[in-house]
Amino acid sequence: MDNQYVVGWGTLALINAGLAQGKNRTGLNWFLLSLVLGPIATFSLLLVEKR
């Protein structure tokens, strides 16, 4: 597996965790979800409303 791909996927997961915390969601859960789903998790996180 290409190292750049792994770094990019991990960076996306960290960004999603930050976005989730900004929307008063659990950052760890979204980080783990992002490791599995990647961009799909980002898109769904953008659609949820802030609590």
C-alpha atoms as a PDB file:
ATOM      1  CA  MET A   1       0.000   0.000   0.000  1.00  0.00           C
ATOM      2  CA  ASP A   2       1.300   3.424  -0.922  1.00  0.00           C
ATOM      3  CA  ASN A   3       2.451   5.502   2.054  1.00  0.00           C
ATOM      4  CA  GLN A   4       0.929   8.701   0.675  1.00  0.00           C
ATOM      5  CA  TYR A   5      -2.473   7.044   0.551  1.00  0.00           C
ATOM      6  CA  VAL A   6      -2.220   6.001   4.203  1.00  0.00           C
ATOM      7  CA  VAL A   7      -1.069   9.465   5.285  1.00  0.00           C
ATOM      8  CA  GLY A   8      -3.894  11.133   3.356  1.00  0.00           C
ATOM      9  CA  TRP A   9      -6.516   8.785   4.813  1.00  0.00           C
ATOM     10  CA  GLY A  10      -5.209   9.403   8.353  1.00  0.00           C
ATOM     11  CA  THR A  11      -5.187  13.150   7.791  1.00  0.00           C
ATOM     12  CA  LEU A  12      -8.786  13.025   6.606  1.00  0.00           C
ATOM     13  CA  ALA A  13      -9.734  11.088   9.747  1.00  0.00           C
ATOM     14  CA  LEU A  14      -8.099  13.764  11.940  1.00  0.00           C
ATOM     15  CA  ILE A  15      -9.887  16.538  10.056  1.00  0.00           C
ATOM     16  CA  ASN A  16     -13.191  14.733  10.520  1.00  0.00           C
ATOM     17  CA  ALA A  17     -12.538  14.385  14.254  1.00  0.00           C
ATOM     18  CA  GLY A  18     -11.993  18.149  14.449  1.00  0.00           C
ATOM     19  CA  LEU A  19     -15.148  18.852  12.457  1.00  0.00           C
ATOM     20  CA  ALA A  20     -17.119  16.526  14.712  1.00  0.00           C
ATOM     21  CA  GLN A  21     -15.910  18.232  17.866  1.00  0.00           C
ATOM     22  CA  GLY A  22     -16.858  21.580  16.340  1.00  0.00           C
ATOM     23  CA  LYS A  23     -20.399  20.233  15.961  1.00  0.00           C
ATOM     24  CA  ASN A  24     -20.447  18.916  19.545  1.00  0.00           C
ATOM     25  CA  ARG A  25     -20.087  15.289  18.451  1.00  0.00           C
ATOM     26  CA  THR A  26     -17.659  12.685  19.766  1.00  0.00           C
ATOM     27  CA  GLY A  27     -14.376  13.201  17.946  1.00  0.00           C
ATOM     28  CA  LEU A  28     -13.016   9.731  18.707  1.00  0.00           C
ATOM     29  CA  ASN A  29     -16.070   7.986  17.271  1.00  0.00           C
ATOM     30  CA  TRP A  30     -15.909  10.041  14.097  1.00  0.00           C
ATOM     31  CA  PHE A  31     -12.153   9.467  13.827  1.00  0.00           C
ATOM     32  CA  LEU A  32     -12.665   5.704  13.960  1.00  0.00           C
ATOM     33  CA  LEU A  33     -15.602   5.883  11.562  1.00  0.00           C
ATOM     34  CA  SER A  34     -13.485   7.943   9.176  1.00  0.00           C
ATOM     35  CA  LEU A  35     -10.734   5.333   9.187  1.00  0.00           C
ATOM     36  CA  VAL A  36     -13.285   2.868   7.833  1.00  0.00           C
ATOM     37  CA  LEU A  37     -15.467   5.039   5.593  1.00  0.00           C
ATOM     38  CA  GLY A  38     -13.161   7.945   4.688  1.00  0.00           C
ATOM     39  CA  PRO A  39     -14.814  10.536   2.426  1.00  0.00           C
ATOM     40  CA  ILE A  40     -18.284   9.086   3.023  1.00  0.00           C
ATOM     41  CA  ALA A  41     -17.915   9.945   6.724  1.00  0.00           C
ATOM     42  CA  THR A  42     -16.803  13.461   5.788  1.00  0.00           C
ATOM     43  CA  PHE A  43     -19.849  13.980   3.613  1.00  0.00           C
ATOM     44  CA  SER A  44     -22.238  12.684   6.264  1.00  0.00           C
ATOM     45  CA  LEU A  45     -20.545  14.837   8.922  1.00  0.00           C
ATOM     46  CA  LEU A  46     -21.095  17.901   6.784  1.00  0.00           C
ATOM     47  CA  LEU A  47     -24.801  17.090   6.571  1.00  0.00           C
ATOM     48  CA  VAL A  48     -25.444  16.669  10.315  1.00  0.00           C
ATOM     49  CA  GLU A  49     -26.529  19.701  12.267  1.00  0.00           C
ATOM     50  CA  LYS A  50     -24.721  21.176  15.237  1.00  0.00           C
ATOM     51  CA  ARG A  51     -26.039  20.060  18.610  1.00  0.00           C
END
